[in-house]
Amino acid sequence: MILIWILSATILVSLISLIGILTLSLKAKIFDKLLVLLVGFAAGGLIGGAFLHLLPEAVEQCGGNPVFLFALIGFTAFFLMERYFYWRHCHAGVCDVHTFTYLNLIGDSLHNFTDGLIIAASFVTDFRLGVVTTLAVVFHEIPQEMGDFGILVYGGFSKSRALLFNFICALSAVLGAVIGYALSTVTENISLFLISFTAGGFIYIAASDLIPELHKQKDTRRANMAFLSFILGLVFMAFAKLIGQG
């Protein structure tokens, strides 16, 4: 019965990745203006997710000793992966899809996989803890998935393709839940590394790819709006943390 609750919770969390459907009816001109705001929001969401959710959670688990080393490993690994993707997909200097979209898919998959591990471990420990953990994940996934959708479309994906790939990545939470349930005795050690590693990846994507894209905005008004959207992403992540703690 616990496994059914775990799977139901992670499927619910995965469905949040389809939030981009809300933008499908928007006209192209309006969506283009919204896209820059979504990228700013995504940058704030990734930075906020790393510093307000992932790193504090990892420090709480182990006291902090290996956390920042794992985060540094994650940051470096994403740097190397971007070099590979740039060489592999843009070797001729022409790239229809920006490399940061692939990095974001990898980072998002790891993040969702970790969420699945955590949800499974919570339900195995106590049913009420599992429910609270699921709600906390839902609240921080809503802004996260809005930003992820914006990143993919801004990076060159069509809306439908962005929705599909975002949903596929979200399903890694279900895989994480199954593995977490089966390996409940060692889940904490696995999640500690993945949480820290993913935090490093999120910081890299936001600082090295998304924020430089925002700097390319020539129009002062749009640049200011993008910055405010970045701040809003941070605020949403802070609010999600407060909700989760409540």
Protein backbone atom coordinates (compact mmCIF):
# COMPACT_ATOMS: atom_id res chain seq x y z
CA MET A 1 0.00 0.00 0.00
CA ILE A 2 2.89 2.36 0.80
CA LEU A 3 4.35 1.78 -2.67
CA ILE A 4 1.01 2.80 -4.24
CA TRP A 5 1.03 6.05 -2.26
CA ILE A 6 4.65 6.67 -3.27
CA LEU A 7 3.92 6.13 -6.96
CA SER A 8 0.76 8.27 -6.80
CA ALA A 9 2.70 11.11 -5.16
CA THR A 10 5.51 11.06 -7.71
CA ILE A 11 3.11 10.85 -10.66
CA LEU A 12 1.32 13.92 -9.27
CA VAL A 13 4.64 15.73 -9.02
CA SER A 14 5.55 14.68 -12.58
CA LEU A 15 2.31 16.09 -14.01
CA ILE A 16 3.35 19.57 -12.85
CA SER A 17 5.89 19.54 -15.70
CA LEU A 18 2.97 20.08 -18.11
CA ILE A 19 2.29 23.54 -16.68
CA GLY A 20 3.63 25.00 -19.93
CA ILE A 21 0.29 24.02 -21.52
CA LEU A 22 -1.06 27.28 -20.07
CA THR A 23 1.02 29.21 -22.63
CA LEU A 24 -0.09 27.30 -25.74
CA SER A 25 -3.03 29.60 -26.44
CA LEU A 26 -0.93 32.77 -26.29
CA LYS A 27 -0.18 34.66 -29.50
CA ALA A 28 3.41 34.43 -30.75
CA LYS A 29 4.13 38.12 -30.13
CA ILE A 30 2.90 37.95 -26.54
CA PHE A 31 4.71 34.66 -25.89
CA ASP A 32 8.00 36.11 -27.19
CA LYS A 33 7.76 38.91 -24.63
CA LEU A 34 6.86 36.42 -21.93
CA LEU A 35 9.77 34.15 -22.85
CA VAL A 36 12.45 36.56 -21.64
CA LEU A 37 10.59 36.84 -18.34
CA LEU A 38 10.44 33.05 -18.06
CA VAL A 39 14.20 32.82 -18.60
CA GLY A 40 14.77 35.40 -15.86
CA PHE A 41 12.35 33.54 -13.62
CA ALA A 42 14.13 30.25 -14.39
CA ALA A 43 17.53 31.74 -13.50
CA GLY A 44 16.16 32.95 -10.18
CA GLY A 45 14.42 29.63 -9.61
CA LEU A 46 17.59 27.62 -10.23
CA ILE A 47 19.74 29.85 -8.00
CA GLY A 48 17.04 29.92 -5.33
CA GLY A 49 16.51 26.18 -5.61
CA ALA A 50 20.22 25.53 -5.14
CA PHE A 51 20.88 27.93 -2.25
CA LEU A 52 17.53 27.82 -0.45
CA HIS A 53 16.45 24.20 -0.97
CA LEU A 54 19.11 21.76 -2.14
CA LEU A 55 22.28 22.86 -0.32
CA PRO A 56 20.56 23.51 3.05
CA GLU A 57 18.82 20.13 2.78
CA ALA A 58 22.12 18.38 2.07
CA VAL A 59 23.87 20.21 4.93
CA GLU A 60 21.05 19.20 7.27
CA GLN A 61 21.52 15.56 6.27
CA CYS A 62 25.25 15.31 6.92
CA GLY A 63 26.44 18.41 8.77
CA GLY A 64 28.03 20.00 5.73
CA ASN A 65 31.39 18.27 5.29
CA PRO A 66 31.11 16.74 1.78
CA VAL A 67 28.20 18.88 0.54
CA PHE A 68 30.14 21.71 -1.04
CA LEU A 69 32.72 19.33 -2.50
CA PHE A 70 29.88 17.42 -4.22
CA ALA A 71 28.38 20.72 -5.39
CA LEU A 72 31.75 21.73 -6.82
CA ILE A 73 31.98 18.38 -8.59
CA GLY A 74 28.51 19.00 -10.03
CA PHE A 75 29.45 22.51 -11.20
CA THR A 76 32.60 21.17 -12.90
CA ALA A 77 30.78 18.20 -14.44
CA PHE A 78 28.17 20.49 -16.01
CA PHE A 79 30.96 22.70 -17.35
CA LEU A 80 32.54 19.65 -19.01
CA MET A 81 29.19 18.44 -20.34
CA GLU A 82 28.51 21.81 -21.91
CA ARG A 83 31.89 21.70 -23.66
CA TYR A 84 30.96 18.24 -25.01
CA PHE A 85 27.51 19.31 -26.17
CA TYR A 86 28.91 22.45 -27.79
CA TRP A 87 31.49 20.42 -29.68
CA ARG A 88 29.05 17.62 -30.55
CA HIS A 89 26.05 19.71 -31.65
CA CYS A 90 27.56 23.03 -32.70
CA HIS A 91 30.92 21.98 -34.14
CA ALA A 92 30.37 23.90 -37.37
CA GLY A 93 29.49 27.07 -35.49
CA VAL A 94 25.78 26.68 -36.24
CA CYS A 95 23.46 25.46 -33.50
CA ASP A 96 19.67 25.42 -33.79
CA VAL A 97 19.27 24.36 -30.16
CA HIS A 98 21.40 25.98 -27.47
CA THR A 99 23.56 23.65 -25.41
CA PHE A 100 22.13 24.85 -22.11
CA THR A 101 18.82 23.15 -22.98
CA TYR A 102 20.49 19.73 -22.82
CA LEU A 103 22.21 20.66 -19.55
CA ASN A 104 18.91 21.75 -18.10
CA LEU A 105 17.29 18.44 -19.11
CA ILE A 106 20.09 16.53 -17.37
CA GLY A 107 19.94 18.70 -14.26
CA ASP A 108 16.15 18.54 -14.12
CA SER A 109 16.19 14.74 -14.48
CA LEU A 110 18.66 14.39 -11.60
CA HIS A 111 16.62 16.80 -9.52
CA ASN A 112 13.36 14.93 -10.15
CA PHE A 113 15.06 11.58 -9.54
CA THR A 114 16.24 12.91 -6.17
CA ASP A 115 12.73 14.16 -5.37
CA GLY A 116 11.47 10.62 -6.01
CA LEU A 117 14.10 9.19 -3.65
CA ILE A 118 13.15 11.68 -0.94
CA ILE A 119 9.40 11.12 -1.32
CA ALA A 120 9.89 7.34 -1.11
CA ALA A 121 12.10 7.61 1.98
CA SER A 122 9.56 9.93 3.65
CA PHE A 123 6.60 7.59 3.08
CA VAL A 124 8.63 4.58 4.29
CA THR A 125 9.48 6.51 7.48
CA ASP A 126 5.99 7.85 8.19
CA PHE A 127 2.87 8.30 6.07
CA ARG A 128 2.19 11.86 7.30
CA LEU A 129 5.80 12.82 6.65
CA GLY A 130 5.39 11.49 3.10
CA VAL A 131 2.32 13.68 2.52
CA VAL A 132 4.07 16.80 3.87
CA THR A 133 7.18 16.07 1.79
CA THR A 134 5.07 15.62 -1.35
CA LEU A 135 3.34 18.97 -0.78
CA ALA A 136 6.71 20.65 -0.25
CA VAL A 137 8.01 19.16 -3.51
CA VAL A 138 4.85 20.29 -5.35
CA PHE A 139 5.24 23.88 -4.16
CA HIS A 140 8.86 24.16 -5.27
CA GLU A 141 8.25 22.26 -8.52
CA ILE A 142 5.61 24.71 -9.82
CA PRO A 143 8.01 27.65 -10.31
CA GLN A 144 10.80 25.24 -11.27
CA GLU A 145 8.81 23.64 -14.10
CA MET A 146 7.55 27.01 -15.37
CA GLY A 147 11.16 28.09 -15.69
CA ASP A 148 12.28 24.81 -17.25
CA PHE A 149 9.65 25.13 -19.97
CA GLY A 150 10.81 28.68 -20.69
CA ILE A 151 14.45 27.56 -20.88
CA LEU A 152 13.69 24.85 -23.44
CA VAL A 153 11.60 27.10 -25.69
CA TYR A 154 14.10 29.97 -25.44
CA GLY A 155 16.88 27.50 -26.25
CA GLY A 156 15.25 26.39 -29.51
CA PHE A 157 12.64 23.74 -28.69
CA SER A 158 9.10 24.05 -30.04
CA LYS A 159 6.42 24.39 -27.36
CA SER A 160 5.14 20.85 -27.92
CA ARG A 161 8.65 19.36 -27.89
CA ALA A 162 9.49 21.33 -24.73
CA LEU A 163 6.38 19.96 -23.01
CA LEU A 164 7.23 16.39 -24.06
CA PHE A 165 10.86 16.48 -22.95
CA ASN A 166 9.97 18.28 -19.74
CA PHE A 167 7.44 15.55 -18.93
CA ILE A 168 9.88 12.75 -19.78
CA CYS A 169 12.43 14.30 -17.42
CA ALA A 170 9.76 14.67 -14.75
CA LEU A 171 9.04 10.93 -14.90
CA SER A 172 12.53 10.31 -13.50
CA ALA A 173 10.86 11.08 -10.14
CA VAL A 174 8.87 7.85 -10.52
CA LEU A 175 12.08 5.92 -11.23
CA GLY A 176 13.70 7.54 -8.20
CA ALA A 177 10.70 6.59 -6.06
CA VAL A 178 10.85 2.92 -7.07
CA ILE A 179 14.59 2.74 -6.46
CA GLY A 180 14.22 4.67 -3.21
CA TYR A 181 11.56 2.26 -1.99
CA ALA A 182 13.67 -0.77 -2.90
CA LEU A 183 16.84 0.68 -1.36
CA SER A 184 15.28 2.56 1.54
CA THR A 185 18.19 1.71 3.84
CA VAL A 186 20.78 3.50 1.66
CA THR A 187 18.58 6.18 0.08
CA GLU A 188 19.97 8.90 2.35
CA ASN A 189 23.55 8.40 1.13
CA ILE A 190 22.49 8.38 -2.54
CA SER A 191 20.29 11.45 -2.21
CA LEU A 192 22.99 13.39 -0.34
CA PHE A 193 25.35 13.17 -3.30
CA LEU A 194 22.66 13.80 -5.92
CA ILE A 195 21.20 16.81 -4.08
CA SER A 196 24.62 18.48 -3.78
CA PHE A 197 25.67 17.52 -7.31
CA THR A 198 22.42 18.88 -8.77
CA ALA A 199 22.80 22.13 -6.80
CA GLY A 200 26.19 22.66 -8.43
CA GLY A 201 24.66 21.98 -11.84
CA PHE A 202 21.82 24.43 -11.25
CA ILE A 203 24.24 27.16 -10.20
CA TYR A 204 26.30 26.55 -13.33
CA ILE A 205 23.31 26.69 -15.70
CA ALA A 206 21.92 29.86 -14.13
CA ALA A 207 25.22 31.73 -13.82
CA SER A 208 26.96 30.59 -17.00
CA ASP A 209 24.08 30.30 -19.47
CA LEU A 210 20.84 32.00 -18.42
CA ILE A 211 22.05 35.21 -16.79
CA PRO A 212 24.38 35.98 -19.76
CA GLU A 213 21.34 35.56 -22.03
CA LEU A 214 19.53 38.19 -19.96
CA HIS A 215 22.49 40.55 -20.38
CA LYS A 216 21.98 40.39 -24.14
CA GLN A 217 18.71 42.32 -23.86
CA LYS A 218 19.25 45.69 -25.53
CA ASP A 219 15.92 47.21 -24.59
CA THR A 220 16.24 48.78 -21.13
CA ARG A 221 12.62 48.12 -20.19
CA ARG A 222 12.77 44.43 -21.13
CA ALA A 223 16.15 44.07 -19.36
CA ASN A 224 14.69 45.59 -16.18
CA MET A 225 11.63 43.35 -16.42
CA ALA A 226 13.88 40.30 -16.87
CA PHE A 227 15.82 41.28 -13.73
CA LEU A 228 12.58 41.70 -11.77
CA SER A 229 11.52 38.29 -13.04
CA PHE A 230 14.83 36.88 -11.74
CA ILE A 231 14.07 38.37 -8.31
CA LEU A 232 10.56 36.92 -8.51
CA GLY A 233 12.06 33.47 -9.12
CA LEU A 234 14.13 33.85 -5.95
CA VAL A 235 11.10 35.05 -3.99
CA PHE A 236 8.97 32.13 -5.20
CA MET A 237 11.63 29.65 -4.09
CA ALA A 238 11.89 31.37 -0.70
CA PHE A 239 8.09 31.25 -0.37
CA ALA A 240 8.04 27.58 -1.38
CA LYS A 241 10.59 26.86 1.36
CA LEU A 242 8.43 28.62 3.96
CA ILE A 243 5.37 26.66 2.81
CA GLY A 244 7.31 23.40 2.98
CA GLN A 245 8.56 24.13 6.49
CA GLY A 246 5.03 25.00 7.59
